[in-house]
């Protein structure tokens, strides 16, 4: 049984996206490895805040039908560099249970384990659904603090981690996610709360909002915003967009609003748009490569279907989550110099292995690929996108459709199997493509 301290997967589980025929041995193996990770390893594998991806990787492999051997290899590939958990300070956990003291510990990495035990205590007393709503979605000051700390334009790791925990119904992983969020920083609040205030002041109408694709085009056309990030910026959203063009970013972010009645379609639109700009931000004649920062917006998108179909999350929270995700995606696109989006890179793409181009073939290849989880998460998110967007194809804002989905799965696995660099970083900058080989056809 899955509890706040015990991870337990079952082959019969129905995640948001998975293949048929997952075996009991795979469920047992994944559970044991995830439990070991939970008990032994920190959420950051170094002092610089680089994230432990073992949970993301193993759950994705499990959903894509990986064998016990593949699961153990995925774990072995990434366990050696993990950092051990720091010692628990029970007095600090007790102090966190005092509402007036909780906030004093936020944003401080050294309290990760204390926060994890705090949230486990809360879940054992009240259940994970009530705890998530209380500490992330309630809308009061404490929940707003926590939701802002979900590290939206770092790499979205806490919100991805939370999505995995809810999708696979694992309270222990949800506790990890909330603790992870609690020790991040909150600078994105400037965008989120500013956009909410601006949207309310302007009387933004969900029925008249532009599509995400149109907003991407508007951002690219805005020269101040699209050039606000500099190559040397440490964080191109924080140090570029929000310092050199904050008003411009708010202008576009505040235009996107959602009504509860639109949640199904707008969730699918977000998934489609994130995949569109991530896959088409290419730079011929260089080889096809996906941007490392953009893929996090795609990899996160699957969990908004999880949130959408979670009965314990209030509709008002689902609306807010989706608006924040789209505003994050817009800021992320702008932060990489708003590259041109070349749809022909998808429509004209020829798979490297045309005889092994089915989704099942793609899943087998990515399950065997040596990685820390980014590639498998990307493939699963793309496959889920096809399912999530199918009933909305033909509507405004849904650029990716039909046979493009399977092409994208092949583009993704082909690109990572092609060798270094696995990803391109900050694809709108010329500097990002230095060292990326040219396509064979370009060298003829």
Foldseek 3Di string as FASTA:
>chain_A
DFAQLFFFFALPADFLAADPDQDRQLRVLLRVLVNCCLQWFDQALDPVRHGQLLLLASLLLSRHRFDSVLNVVLCVLRVPSTDTQDDEDVVVLVQCVPVVRVLVQFQARNCLVSQLVNQSVVCVVPNQLVSCCVQAPVPDPRNVLLVLLCPLQPLSVLLLQCLSCLRRVHNNSNSSSSSSSRNGDRVCCLQLVLLVVVLVVVVQDQVPFDQLVVLLVVQLVPQQLLPQADPPDPRLLRRGNCPRPVVVLSVSLSSHFHDLVCLLVLLLLQLQLLLQQQQQLDDPLFARFGAPSSLSLLLSSSSLVVVVPDPSRDSVSSRSVSSVSSSSNSSSCSSLSSGDGHCCCQVVDDFPCNVQQALSSLSVLVSNDRDSNSLSSSLSSLVSSQVSCAVVPPDPSRPDYDPSSSSVSRSSSVQCVVDPPSHFHSSSDPVSCVPRHGDPVVVD
